[in-house]
Amino acid sequence: MTHLEDRLERFETLTAECELIAKLTTDSTKREFYLRLAEQYRQLAADMRHAIATRAAA
């Protein structure tokens, strides 16, 4: 597994963890925070997938 694939896996894990925390919390402020954080990690994962695809095509 390459460094980029390791990072992708980490971002996907963090996304799932933030979504789980958001689902379990009863505090609406914390829920919104973790949902926003999950979205940022989701975007980082998408960017990493793009970088992996670009590198594979080269």
PDB file of N, CA and C in Angstrom:
ATOM      1  N   MET A   1       0.855  -1.182   0.000  1.00  0.00           N
ATOM      2  CA  MET A   1       0.000   0.000   0.000  1.00  0.00           C
ATOM      3  C   MET A   1       0.898   1.242   0.000  1.00  0.00           C
ATOM      4  N   THR A   2       0.575   2.175  -0.848  1.00  0.00           N
ATOM      5  CA  THR A   2       1.395   3.378  -0.958  1.00  0.00           C
ATOM      6  C   THR A   2       1.034   4.376   0.140  1.00  0.00           C
ATOM      7  N   HIS A   3       1.879   5.370   0.251  1.00  0.00           N
ATOM      8  CA  HIS A   3       1.640   6.442   1.226  1.00  0.00           C
ATOM      9  C   HIS A   3       0.291   7.123   0.960  1.00  0.00           C
ATOM     10  N   LEU A   4      -0.022   7.357  -0.299  1.00  0.00           N
ATOM     11  CA  LEU A   4      -1.290   8.013  -0.634  1.00  0.00           C
ATOM     12  C   LEU A   4      -2.484   7.136  -0.258  1.00  0.00           C
ATOM     13  N   GLU A   5      -2.355   5.831  -0.485  1.00  0.00           N
ATOM     14  CA  GLU A   5      -3.446   4.926  -0.112  1.00  0.00           C
ATOM     15  C   GLU A   5      -3.615   4.853   1.400  1.00  0.00           C
ATOM     16  N   ASP A   6      -2.498   4.927   2.129  1.00  0.00           N
ATOM     17  CA  ASP A   6      -2.569   4.973   3.596  1.00  0.00           C
ATOM     18  C   ASP A   6      -3.334   6.212   4.055  1.00  0.00           C
ATOM     19  N   ARG A   7      -3.022   7.343   3.437  1.00  0.00           N
ATOM     20  CA  ARG A   7      -3.705   8.594   3.796  1.00  0.00           C
ATOM     21  C   ARG A   7      -5.192   8.518   3.468  1.00  0.00           C
ATOM     22  N   LEU A   8      -5.510   7.946   2.304  1.00  0.00           N
ATOM     23  CA  LEU A   8      -6.901   7.794   1.904  1.00  0.00           C
ATOM     24  C   LEU A   8      -7.656   6.962   2.929  1.00  0.00           C
ATOM     25  N   GLU A   9      -7.075   5.850   3.328  1.00  0.00           N
ATOM     26  CA  GLU A   9      -7.727   4.989   4.321  1.00  0.00           C
ATOM     27  C   GLU A   9      -7.937   5.731   5.636  1.00  0.00           C
ATOM     28  N   ARG A  10      -6.946   6.517   6.035  1.00  0.00           N
ATOM     29  CA  ARG A  10      -7.058   7.285   7.287  1.00  0.00           C
ATOM     30  C   ARG A  10      -8.183   8.322   7.198  1.00  0.00           C
ATOM     31  N   PHE A  11      -8.276   9.031   6.086  1.00  0.00           N
ATOM     32  CA  PHE A  11      -9.339  10.024   5.923  1.00  0.00           C
ATOM     33  C   PHE A  11     -10.713   9.365   5.922  1.00  0.00           C
ATOM     34  N   GLU A  12     -10.827   8.201   5.294  1.00  0.00           N
ATOM     35  CA  GLU A  12     -12.105   7.490   5.283  1.00  0.00           C
ATOM     36  C   GLU A  12     -12.482   7.030   6.688  1.00  0.00           C
ATOM     37  N   THR A  13     -11.498   6.579   7.453  1.00  0.00           N
ATOM     38  CA  THR A  13     -11.746   6.162   8.839  1.00  0.00           C
ATOM     39  C   THR A  13     -12.187   7.349   9.687  1.00  0.00           C
ATOM     40  N   LEU A  14     -11.500   8.461   9.544  1.00  0.00           N
ATOM     41  CA  LEU A  14     -11.861   9.658  10.308  1.00  0.00           C
ATOM     42  C   LEU A  14     -13.263  10.147   9.939  1.00  0.00           C
ATOM     43  N   THR A  15     -13.625  10.054   8.670  1.00  0.00           N
ATOM     44  CA  THR A  15     -14.961  10.433   8.238  1.00  0.00           C
ATOM     45  C   THR A  15     -16.002   9.584   8.958  1.00  0.00           C
ATOM     46  N   ALA A  16     -15.795   8.285   8.951  1.00  0.00           N
ATOM     47  CA  ALA A  16     -16.744   7.371   9.594  1.00  0.00           C
ATOM     48  C   ALA A  16     -16.828   7.620  11.099  1.00  0.00           C
ATOM     49  N   GLU A  17     -15.698   7.869  11.734  1.00  0.00           N
ATOM     50  CA  GLU A  17     -15.698   8.128  13.169  1.00  0.00           C
ATOM     51  C   GLU A  17     -16.447   9.409  13.509  1.00  0.00           C
ATOM     52  N   CYS A  18     -16.229  10.451  12.741  1.00  0.00           N
ATOM     53  CA  CYS A  18     -16.931  11.716  12.986  1.00  0.00           C
ATOM     54  C   CYS A  18     -18.437  11.564  12.769  1.00  0.00           C
ATOM     55  N   GLU A  19     -18.820  10.815  11.733  1.00  0.00           N
ATOM     56  CA  GLU A  19     -20.243  10.587  11.487  1.00  0.00           C
ATOM     57  C   GLU A  19     -20.875   9.808  12.631  1.00  0.00           C
ATOM     58  N   LEU A  20     -20.156   8.832  13.181  1.00  0.00           N
ATOM     59  CA  LEU A  20     -20.670   8.057  14.302  1.00  0.00           C
ATOM     60  C   LEU A  20     -20.822   8.930  15.540  1.00  0.00           C
ATOM     61  N   ILE A  21     -19.816   9.740  15.827  1.00  0.00           N
ATOM     62  CA  ILE A  21     -19.901  10.645  16.981  1.00  0.00           C
ATOM     63  C   ILE A  21     -21.072  11.601  16.811  1.00  0.00           C
ATOM     64  N   ALA A  22     -21.243  12.136  15.609  1.00  0.00           N
ATOM     65  CA  ALA A  22     -22.356  13.063  15.355  1.00  0.00           C
ATOM     66  C   ALA A  22     -23.690  12.369  15.581  1.00  0.00           C
ATOM     67  N   LYS A  23     -23.779  11.118  15.185  1.00  0.00           N
ATOM     68  CA  LYS A  23     -25.026  10.370  15.355  1.00  0.00           C
ATOM     69  C   LYS A  23     -25.329  10.090  16.822  1.00  0.00           C
ATOM     70  N   LEU A  24     -24.280   9.871  17.612  1.00  0.00           N
ATOM     71  CA  LEU A  24     -24.467   9.476  19.005  1.00  0.00           C
ATOM     72  C   LEU A  24     -24.623  10.644  19.974  1.00  0.00           C
ATOM     73  N   THR A  25     -24.133  11.812  19.607  1.00  0.00           N
ATOM     74  CA  THR A  25     -24.184  12.936  20.548  1.00  0.00           C
ATOM     75  C   THR A  25     -25.591  13.514  20.641  1.00  0.00           C
ATOM     76  N   THR A  26     -25.898  13.989  21.829  1.00  0.00           N
ATOM     77  CA  THR A  26     -27.203  14.626  22.034  1.00  0.00           C
ATOM     78  C   THR A  26     -27.099  16.147  21.978  1.00  0.00           C
ATOM     79  N   ASP A  27     -25.893  16.664  21.974  1.00  0.00           N
ATOM     80  CA  ASP A  27     -25.650  18.099  21.913  1.00  0.00           C
ATOM     81  C   ASP A  27     -25.657  18.544  20.445  1.00  0.00           C
ATOM     82  N   SER A  28     -26.588  19.419  20.098  1.00  0.00           N
ATOM     83  CA  SER A  28     -26.724  19.837  18.699  1.00  0.00           C
ATOM     84  C   SER A  28     -25.502  20.599  18.192  1.00  0.00           C
ATOM     85  N   THR A  29     -24.844  21.348  19.054  1.00  0.00           N
ATOM     86  CA  THR A  29     -23.640  22.075  18.648  1.00  0.00           C
ATOM     87  C   THR A  29     -22.528  21.097  18.292  1.00  0.00           C
ATOM     88  N   LYS A  30     -22.345  20.089  19.121  1.00  0.00           N
ATOM     89  CA  LYS A  30     -21.322  19.079  18.847  1.00  0.00           C
ATOM     90  C   LYS A  30     -21.690  18.269  17.605  1.00  0.00           C
ATOM     91  N   ARG A  31     -22.961  17.993  17.428  1.00  0.00           N
ATOM     92  CA  ARG A  31     -23.404  17.247  16.253  1.00  0.00           C
ATOM     93  C   ARG A  31     -23.032  17.995  14.977  1.00  0.00           C
ATOM     94  N   GLU A  32     -23.335  19.279  14.935  1.00  0.00           N
ATOM     95  CA  GLU A  32     -22.994  20.091  13.766  1.00  0.00           C
ATOM     96  C   GLU A  32     -21.488  20.151  13.546  1.00  0.00           C
ATOM     97  N   PHE A  33     -20.732  20.281  14.622  1.00  0.00           N
ATOM     98  CA  PHE A  33     -19.273  20.314  14.516  1.00  0.00           C
ATOM     99  C   PHE A  33     -18.747  19.038  13.871  1.00  0.00           C
ATOM    100  N   TYR A  34     -19.185  17.891  14.379  1.00  0.00           N
ATOM    101  CA  TYR A  34     -18.687  16.620  13.854  1.00  0.00           C
ATOM    102  C   TYR A  34     -19.188  16.338  12.445  1.00  0.00           C
ATOM    103  N   LEU A  35     -20.355  16.809  12.106  1.00  0.00           N
ATOM    104  CA  LEU A  35     -20.828  16.660  10.731  1.00  0.00           C
ATOM    105  C   LEU A  35     -19.988  17.503   9.773  1.00  0.00           C
ATOM    106  N   ARG A  36     -19.641  18.724  10.174  1.00  0.00           N
ATOM    107  CA  ARG A  36     -18.767  19.564   9.348  1.00  0.00           C
ATOM    108  C   ARG A  36     -17.383  18.955   9.232  1.00  0.00           C
ATOM    109  N   LEU A  37     -16.878  18.429  10.332  1.00  0.00           N
ATOM    110  CA  LEU A  37     -15.568  17.797  10.314  1.00  0.00           C
ATOM    111  C   LEU A  37     -15.575  16.563   9.405  1.00  0.00           C
ATOM    112  N   ALA A  38     -16.637  15.776   9.474  1.00  0.00           N
ATOM    113  CA  ALA A  38     -16.762  14.606   8.601  1.00  0.00           C
ATOM    114  C   ALA A  38     -16.765  15.028   7.131  1.00  0.00           C
ATOM    115  N   GLU A  39     -17.442  16.115   6.833  1.00  0.00           N
ATOM    116  CA  GLU A  39     -17.487  16.599   5.449  1.00  0.00           C
ATOM    117  C   GLU A  39     -16.101  17.027   4.982  1.00  0.00           C
ATOM    118  N   GLN A  40     -15.322  17.644   5.854  1.00  0.00           N
ATOM    119  CA  GLN A  40     -13.962  18.048   5.483  1.00  0.00           C
ATOM    120  C   GLN A  40     -13.096  16.818   5.218  1.00  0.00           C
ATOM    121  N   TYR A  41     -13.210  15.798   6.067  1.00  0.00           N
ATOM    122  CA  TYR A  41     -12.450  14.562   5.839  1.00  0.00           C
ATOM    123  C   TYR A  41     -12.927  13.862   4.570  1.00  0.00           C
ATOM    124  N   ARG A  42     -14.221  13.902   4.286  1.00  0.00           N
ATOM    125  CA  ARG A  42     -14.759  13.306   3.062  1.00  0.00           C
ATOM    126  C   ARG A  42     -14.151  13.993   1.830  1.00  0.00           C
ATOM    127  N   GLN A  43     -14.017  15.312   1.898  1.00  0.00           N
ATOM    128  CA  GLN A  43     -13.419  16.051   0.783  1.00  0.00           C
ATOM    129  C   GLN A  43     -11.933  15.717   0.638  1.00  0.00           C
ATOM    130  N   LEU A  44     -11.242  15.599   1.757  1.00  0.00           N
ATOM    131  CA  LEU A  44      -9.833  15.209   1.695  1.00  0.00           C
ATOM    132  C   LEU A  44      -9.682  13.817   1.085  1.00  0.00           C
ATOM    133  N   ALA A  45     -10.573  12.907   1.422  1.00  0.00           N
ATOM    134  CA  ALA A  45     -10.533  11.564   0.842  1.00  0.00           C
ATOM    135  C   ALA A  45     -10.783  11.625  -0.664  1.00  0.00           C
ATOM    136  N   ALA A  46     -11.720  12.446  -1.081  1.00  0.00           N
ATOM    137  CA  ALA A  46     -11.998  12.587  -2.514  1.00  0.00           C
ATOM    138  C   ALA A  46     -10.781  13.164  -3.238  1.00  0.00           C
ATOM    139  N   ASP A  47     -10.139  14.143  -2.634  1.00  0.00           N
ATOM    140  CA  ASP A  47      -8.929  14.721  -3.220  1.00  0.00           C
ATOM    141  C   ASP A  47      -7.815  13.677  -3.309  1.00  0.00           C
ATOM    142  N   MET A  48      -7.717  12.849  -2.292  1.00  0.00           N
ATOM    143  CA  MET A  48      -6.687  11.815  -2.280  1.00  0.00           C
ATOM    144  C   MET A  48      -6.964  10.764  -3.355  1.00  0.00           C
ATOM    145  N   ARG A  49      -8.245  10.398  -3.540  1.00  0.00           N
ATOM    146  CA  ARG A  49      -8.605   9.461  -4.614  1.00  0.00           C
ATOM    147  C   ARG A  49      -8.209  10.030  -5.976  1.00  0.00           C
ATOM    148  N   HIS A  50      -8.441  11.324  -6.143  1.00  0.00           N
ATOM    149  CA  HIS A  50      -8.084  11.993  -7.390  1.00  0.00           C
ATOM    150  C   HIS A  50      -6.569  11.961  -7.591  1.00  0.00           C
ATOM    151  N   ALA A  51      -5.810  12.217  -6.538  1.00  0.00           N
ATOM    152  CA  ALA A  51      -4.346  12.201  -6.638  1.00  0.00           C
ATOM    153  C   ALA A  51      -3.845  10.797  -6.985  1.00  0.00           C
ATOM    154  N   ILE A  52      -4.457   9.788  -6.388  1.00  0.00           N
ATOM    155  CA  ILE A  52      -4.061   8.399  -6.670  1.00  0.00           C
ATOM    156  C   ILE A  52      -4.365   8.062  -8.132  1.00  0.00           C
ATOM    157  N   ALA A  53      -5.537   8.461  -8.605  1.00  0.00           N
ATOM    158  CA  ALA A  53      -5.903   8.187  -9.989  1.00  0.00           C
ATOM    159  C   ALA A  53      -4.988   8.910 -10.965  1.00  0.00           C
ATOM    160  N   THR A  54      -4.642  10.147 -10.639  1.00  0.00           N
ATOM    161  CA  THR A  54      -3.751  10.931 -11.490  1.00  0.00           C
ATOM    162  C   THR A  54      -2.364  10.300 -11.549  1.00  0.00           C
ATOM    163  N   ARG A  55      -1.901   9.859 -10.399  1.00  0.00           N
ATOM    164  CA  ARG A  55      -0.584   9.226 -10.349  1.00  0.00           C
ATOM    165  C   ARG A  55      -0.579   7.900 -11.108  1.00  0.00           C
ATOM    166  N   ALA A  56      -1.675   7.147 -11.013  1.00  0.00           N
ATOM    167  CA  ALA A  56      -1.773   5.858 -11.708  1.00  0.00           C
ATOM    168  C   ALA A  56      -1.822   6.054 -13.208  1.00  0.00           C
ATOM    169  N   ALA A  57      -2.440   7.150 -13.663  1.00  0.00           N
ATOM    170  CA  ALA A  57      -2.569   7.409 -15.095  1.00  0.00           C
ATOM    171  C   ALA A  57      -1.252   7.894 -15.701  1.00  0.00           C
ATOM    172  N   ALA A  58      -0.370   8.394 -14.864  1.00  0.00           N
ATOM    173  CA  ALA A  58       0.903   8.948 -15.379  1.00  0.00           C
ATOM    174  C   ALA A  58       1.902   7.863 -15.719  1.00  0.00           C
TER     175      ALA A  58
END
